[in-house]
Amino acid sequence: GAIPPLVELLTCGTDVAKENTAGTLRNLAFEIYDNCMTIANAGAIPPLIQLLTSGTAVVKVMAAATLRELAYDNYDNQVTIAKAGAIPPLVDLLTSGTEFAK
């Protein structure tokens, strides 16, 4: 499948590649439970959380949007995302991010 190489790009690609990859993963996750689980099981959650703190403004927004899709109506992913430490950087994004991010 295409998902593992996409997850790899979250950690080793350029900023533009990371932005596009996060957006692609978000689109793949949109309202498709099986894709959400596949993306999470491929290890996408930790690098997405890392992008919330180290990415460009656009990458941060894309990472947050992807995490939102992975968490939507998916208790297992919600717990995984919270336990992986996403809440503090998401709160930071809400308080100090760009207007679009908020």
N, C-alpha and C. Protein backbone atom coordinates (compact mmCIF):
# COMPACT_ATOMS: atom_id res chain seq x y z
N GLY A 1 0.77 -1.18 0.00
CA GLY A 1 0.00 0.00 0.00
C GLY A 1 0.82 1.27 0.00
N ALA A 2 0.13 2.31 -0.23
CA ALA A 2 0.76 3.63 -0.34
C ALA A 2 0.98 4.29 1.01
N ILE A 3 0.30 3.84 2.03
CA ILE A 3 0.35 4.55 3.31
C ILE A 3 1.72 4.49 3.99
N PRO A 4 2.38 3.35 4.11
CA PRO A 4 3.70 3.36 4.77
C PRO A 4 4.71 4.31 4.14
N PRO A 5 4.84 4.37 2.79
CA PRO A 5 5.78 5.36 2.23
C PRO A 5 5.36 6.80 2.53
N LEU A 6 4.06 7.06 2.61
CA LEU A 6 3.61 8.40 2.95
C LEU A 6 4.01 8.75 4.38
N VAL A 7 3.83 7.80 5.28
CA VAL A 7 4.22 8.03 6.68
C VAL A 7 5.72 8.33 6.76
N GLU A 8 6.51 7.63 5.97
CA GLU A 8 7.95 7.87 5.93
C GLU A 8 8.26 9.31 5.52
N LEU A 9 7.51 9.84 4.57
CA LEU A 9 7.74 11.21 4.11
C LEU A 9 7.46 12.25 5.20
N LEU A 10 6.65 11.90 6.19
CA LEU A 10 6.38 12.83 7.28
C LEU A 10 7.63 13.14 8.08
N THR A 11 8.59 12.23 8.04
CA THR A 11 9.80 12.42 8.85
C THR A 11 11.03 12.77 8.04
N CYS A 12 11.04 12.46 6.75
CA CYS A 12 12.28 12.66 6.00
C CYS A 12 12.11 13.53 4.76
N GLY A 13 10.91 13.97 4.47
CA GLY A 13 10.71 14.79 3.29
C GLY A 13 11.00 16.26 3.55
N THR A 14 10.93 17.03 2.49
CA THR A 14 11.05 18.49 2.61
C THR A 14 9.80 19.04 3.29
N ASP A 15 9.82 20.31 3.64
CA ASP A 15 8.63 20.92 4.24
C ASP A 15 7.42 20.82 3.30
N VAL A 16 7.65 21.04 2.03
CA VAL A 16 6.55 20.94 1.06
C VAL A 16 6.05 19.50 0.98
N ALA A 17 6.97 18.54 0.98
CA ALA A 17 6.57 17.13 0.95
C ALA A 17 5.78 16.77 2.20
N LYS A 18 6.21 17.27 3.35
CA LYS A 18 5.49 16.99 4.60
C LYS A 18 4.09 17.59 4.56
N GLU A 19 3.98 18.80 4.06
CA GLU A 19 2.67 19.45 3.93
C GLU A 19 1.75 18.64 3.02
N ASN A 20 2.26 18.27 1.85
CA ASN A 20 1.46 17.51 0.89
C ASN A 20 1.12 16.12 1.42
N THR A 21 2.06 15.51 2.12
CA THR A 21 1.84 14.18 2.67
C THR A 21 0.78 14.21 3.76
N ALA A 22 0.88 15.18 4.65
CA ALA A 22 -0.14 15.30 5.71
C ALA A 22 -1.51 15.52 5.08
N GLY A 23 -1.58 16.36 4.05
CA GLY A 23 -2.85 16.59 3.38
C GLY A 23 -3.38 15.34 2.70
N THR A 24 -2.50 14.58 2.10
CA THR A 24 -2.92 13.33 1.46
C THR A 24 -3.44 12.34 2.49
N LEU A 25 -2.73 12.21 3.60
CA LEU A 25 -3.19 11.31 4.66
C LEU A 25 -4.53 11.78 5.23
N ARG A 26 -4.69 13.09 5.35
CA ARG A 26 -5.98 13.62 5.82
C ARG A 26 -7.09 13.22 4.86
N ASN A 27 -6.85 13.37 3.57
CA ASN A 27 -7.86 13.01 2.58
C ASN A 27 -8.16 11.52 2.60
N LEU A 28 -7.13 10.70 2.77
CA LEU A 28 -7.35 9.25 2.84
C LEU A 28 -8.14 8.86 4.08
N ALA A 29 -7.96 9.60 5.16
CA ALA A 29 -8.64 9.29 6.42
C ALA A 29 -10.07 9.80 6.47
N PHE A 30 -10.41 10.73 5.61
CA PHE A 30 -11.71 11.40 5.70
C PHE A 30 -12.86 10.41 5.64
N GLU A 31 -13.50 10.21 6.79
CA GLU A 31 -14.71 9.39 6.94
C GLU A 31 -14.54 7.94 6.48
N ILE A 32 -13.31 7.43 6.49
CA ILE A 32 -13.08 6.02 6.14
C ILE A 32 -12.34 5.37 7.31
N TYR A 33 -13.08 4.67 8.14
CA TYR A 33 -12.56 4.09 9.37
C TYR A 33 -11.35 3.20 9.10
N ASP A 34 -11.45 2.32 8.12
CA ASP A 34 -10.34 1.40 7.84
C ASP A 34 -9.06 2.16 7.48
N ASN A 35 -9.18 3.22 6.71
CA ASN A 35 -8.00 4.02 6.38
C ASN A 35 -7.43 4.69 7.62
N CYS A 36 -8.29 5.16 8.49
CA CYS A 36 -7.82 5.79 9.74
C CYS A 36 -6.99 4.80 10.55
N MET A 37 -7.48 3.58 10.65
CA MET A 37 -6.75 2.57 11.41
C MET A 37 -5.44 2.19 10.71
N THR A 38 -5.48 2.08 9.39
CA THR A 38 -4.27 1.74 8.65
C THR A 38 -3.22 2.83 8.81
N ILE A 39 -3.64 4.08 8.72
CA ILE A 39 -2.71 5.20 8.88
C ILE A 39 -2.11 5.22 10.28
N ALA A 40 -2.97 5.04 11.28
CA ALA A 40 -2.48 5.02 12.67
C ALA A 40 -1.55 3.83 12.89
N ASN A 41 -1.92 2.67 12.40
CA ASN A 41 -1.11 1.46 12.59
C ASN A 41 0.22 1.54 11.83
N ALA A 42 0.29 2.38 10.79
CA ALA A 42 1.53 2.56 10.05
C ALA A 42 2.49 3.50 10.78
N GLY A 43 2.06 4.05 11.92
CA GLY A 43 2.93 4.89 12.72
C GLY A 43 2.88 6.37 12.42
N ALA A 44 1.77 6.84 11.84
CA ALA A 44 1.68 8.24 11.45
C ALA A 44 1.47 9.21 12.61
N ILE A 45 0.93 8.74 13.70
CA ILE A 45 0.56 9.67 14.78
C ILE A 45 1.78 10.36 15.39
N PRO A 46 2.84 9.67 15.80
CA PRO A 46 3.98 10.39 16.38
C PRO A 46 4.60 11.44 15.44
N PRO A 47 4.85 11.13 14.15
CA PRO A 47 5.41 12.19 13.32
C PRO A 47 4.45 13.35 13.08
N LEU A 48 3.15 13.07 13.03
CA LEU A 48 2.19 14.17 12.89
C LEU A 48 2.25 15.08 14.11
N ILE A 49 2.37 14.49 15.29
CA ILE A 49 2.48 15.30 16.51
C ILE A 49 3.78 16.09 16.50
N GLN A 50 4.85 15.48 16.04
CA GLN A 50 6.14 16.20 15.94
C GLN A 50 6.01 17.41 15.02
N LEU A 51 5.26 17.25 13.92
CA LEU A 51 5.07 18.36 12.99
C LEU A 51 4.30 19.52 13.62
N LEU A 52 3.49 19.24 14.65
CA LEU A 52 2.76 20.31 15.33
C LEU A 52 3.70 21.29 16.02
N THR A 53 4.90 20.82 16.35
CA THR A 53 5.84 21.69 17.06
C THR A 53 7.02 22.11 16.21
N SER A 54 7.33 21.36 15.16
CA SER A 54 8.54 21.67 14.42
C SER A 54 8.31 22.05 12.97
N GLY A 55 7.09 21.94 12.50
CA GLY A 55 6.84 22.22 11.09
C GLY A 55 6.60 23.69 10.82
N THR A 56 6.48 24.01 9.54
CA THR A 56 6.10 25.36 9.15
C THR A 56 4.66 25.61 9.58
N ALA A 57 4.19 26.84 9.47
CA ALA A 57 2.81 27.16 9.86
C ALA A 57 1.81 26.31 9.08
N VAL A 58 2.06 26.14 7.79
CA VAL A 58 1.14 25.35 6.97
C VAL A 58 1.21 23.88 7.35
N VAL A 59 2.41 23.36 7.59
CA VAL A 59 2.56 21.96 7.99
C VAL A 59 1.84 21.70 9.31
N LYS A 60 1.93 22.64 10.24
CA LYS A 60 1.24 22.49 11.53
C LYS A 60 -0.26 22.37 11.33
N VAL A 61 -0.81 23.20 10.47
CA VAL A 61 -2.25 23.15 10.19
C VAL A 61 -2.62 21.81 9.56
N MET A 62 -1.82 21.36 8.60
CA MET A 62 -2.12 20.10 7.92
C MET A 62 -2.01 18.93 8.89
N ALA A 63 -1.01 18.95 9.76
CA ALA A 63 -0.85 17.88 10.75
C ALA A 63 -2.03 17.86 11.71
N ALA A 64 -2.47 19.03 12.16
CA ALA A 64 -3.62 19.10 13.06
C ALA A 64 -4.88 18.58 12.37
N ALA A 65 -5.06 18.95 11.12
CA ALA A 65 -6.24 18.49 10.37
C ALA A 65 -6.21 16.98 10.18
N THR A 66 -5.04 16.43 9.95
CA THR A 66 -4.93 14.99 9.78
C THR A 66 -5.22 14.27 11.09
N LEU A 67 -4.68 14.79 12.19
CA LEU A 67 -4.98 14.19 13.49
C LEU A 67 -6.48 14.27 13.80
N ARG A 68 -7.10 15.35 13.40
CA ARG A 68 -8.55 15.48 13.59
C ARG A 68 -9.29 14.38 12.85
N GLU A 69 -8.91 14.14 11.61
CA GLU A 69 -9.56 13.09 10.83
C GLU A 69 -9.32 11.71 11.44
N LEU A 70 -8.11 11.48 11.92
CA LEU A 70 -7.81 10.19 12.53
C LEU A 70 -8.59 9.98 13.82
N ALA A 71 -8.86 11.06 14.54
CA ALA A 71 -9.57 10.96 15.82
C ALA A 71 -11.09 10.96 15.67
N TYR A 72 -11.59 11.48 14.58
CA TYR A 72 -13.04 11.66 14.42
C TYR A 72 -13.76 10.31 14.53
N ASP A 73 -14.63 10.22 15.52
CA ASP A 73 -15.48 9.04 15.72
C ASP A 73 -14.65 7.75 15.82
N ASN A 74 -13.45 7.85 16.41
CA ASN A 74 -12.56 6.69 16.50
C ASN A 74 -11.90 6.73 17.88
N TYR A 75 -12.51 6.06 18.83
CA TYR A 75 -12.05 6.10 20.21
C TYR A 75 -10.60 5.63 20.33
N ASP A 76 -10.27 4.53 19.66
CA ASP A 76 -8.91 4.00 19.77
C ASP A 76 -7.87 5.04 19.34
N ASN A 77 -8.13 5.71 18.22
CA ASN A 77 -7.19 6.73 17.76
C ASN A 77 -7.20 7.95 18.68
N GLN A 78 -8.34 8.29 19.24
CA GLN A 78 -8.41 9.41 20.17
C GLN A 78 -7.48 9.16 21.36
N VAL A 79 -7.56 7.95 21.91
CA VAL A 79 -6.71 7.59 23.06
C VAL A 79 -5.24 7.58 22.65
N THR A 80 -4.94 6.99 21.51
CA THR A 80 -3.56 6.92 21.03
C THR A 80 -2.99 8.32 20.82
N ILE A 81 -3.76 9.19 20.22
CA ILE A 81 -3.31 10.56 19.95
C ILE A 81 -3.06 11.31 21.26
N ALA A 82 -3.98 11.17 22.20
CA ALA A 82 -3.80 11.85 23.50
C ALA A 82 -2.59 11.30 24.25
N LYS A 83 -2.46 9.97 24.29
CA LYS A 83 -1.33 9.37 25.01
C LYS A 83 0.01 9.69 24.36
N ALA A 84 0.00 9.95 23.06
CA ALA A 84 1.24 10.28 22.35
C ALA A 84 1.66 11.72 22.58
N GLY A 85 0.82 12.50 23.27
CA GLY A 85 1.21 13.86 23.65
C GLY A 85 0.72 14.97 22.74
N ALA A 86 -0.36 14.72 22.00
CA ALA A 86 -0.83 15.73 21.05
C ALA A 86 -1.54 16.92 21.69
N ILE A 87 -2.07 16.75 22.86
CA ILE A 87 -2.92 17.81 23.43
C ILE A 87 -2.14 19.10 23.68
N PRO A 88 -0.98 19.08 24.35
CA PRO A 88 -0.28 20.36 24.55
C PRO A 88 0.07 21.10 23.26
N PRO A 89 0.63 20.43 22.23
CA PRO A 89 0.92 21.21 21.01
C PRO A 89 -0.34 21.67 20.28
N LEU A 90 -1.43 20.93 20.39
CA LEU A 90 -2.68 21.40 19.78
C LEU A 90 -3.20 22.63 20.50
N VAL A 91 -3.10 22.64 21.82
CA VAL A 91 -3.51 23.82 22.58
C VAL A 91 -2.61 25.01 22.22
N ASP A 92 -1.32 24.77 22.11
CA ASP A 92 -0.40 25.84 21.70
C ASP A 92 -0.78 26.40 20.33
N LEU A 93 -1.15 25.51 19.42
CA LEU A 93 -1.55 25.94 18.09
C LEU A 93 -2.80 26.82 18.16
N LEU A 94 -3.71 26.48 19.05
CA LEU A 94 -4.92 27.28 19.22
C LEU A 94 -4.64 28.65 19.82
N THR A 95 -3.64 28.71 20.69
CA THR A 95 -3.38 29.98 21.36
C THR A 95 -2.34 30.85 20.66
N SER A 96 -1.41 30.22 19.94
CA SER A 96 -0.35 31.03 19.33
C SER A 96 -0.16 30.76 17.84
N GLY A 97 -0.98 29.93 17.26
CA GLY A 97 -0.85 29.64 15.83
C GLY A 97 -1.44 30.75 14.97
N THR A 98 -1.35 30.56 13.69
CA THR A 98 -1.92 31.54 12.76
C THR A 98 -3.43 31.57 12.89
N GLU A 99 -4.04 32.59 12.35
CA GLU A 99 -5.50 32.68 12.40
C GLU A 99 -6.15 31.49 11.73
N PHE A 100 -5.56 31.03 10.63
CA PHE A 100 -6.08 29.85 9.93
C PHE A 100 -6.00 28.62 10.81
N ALA A 101 -4.92 28.50 11.56
CA ALA A 101 -4.74 27.35 12.45
C ALA A 101 -5.76 27.34 13.57
N LYS A 102 -6.10 28.53 14.03
CA LYS A 102 -7.06 28.63 15.14
C LYS A 102 -8.43 28.28 14.66
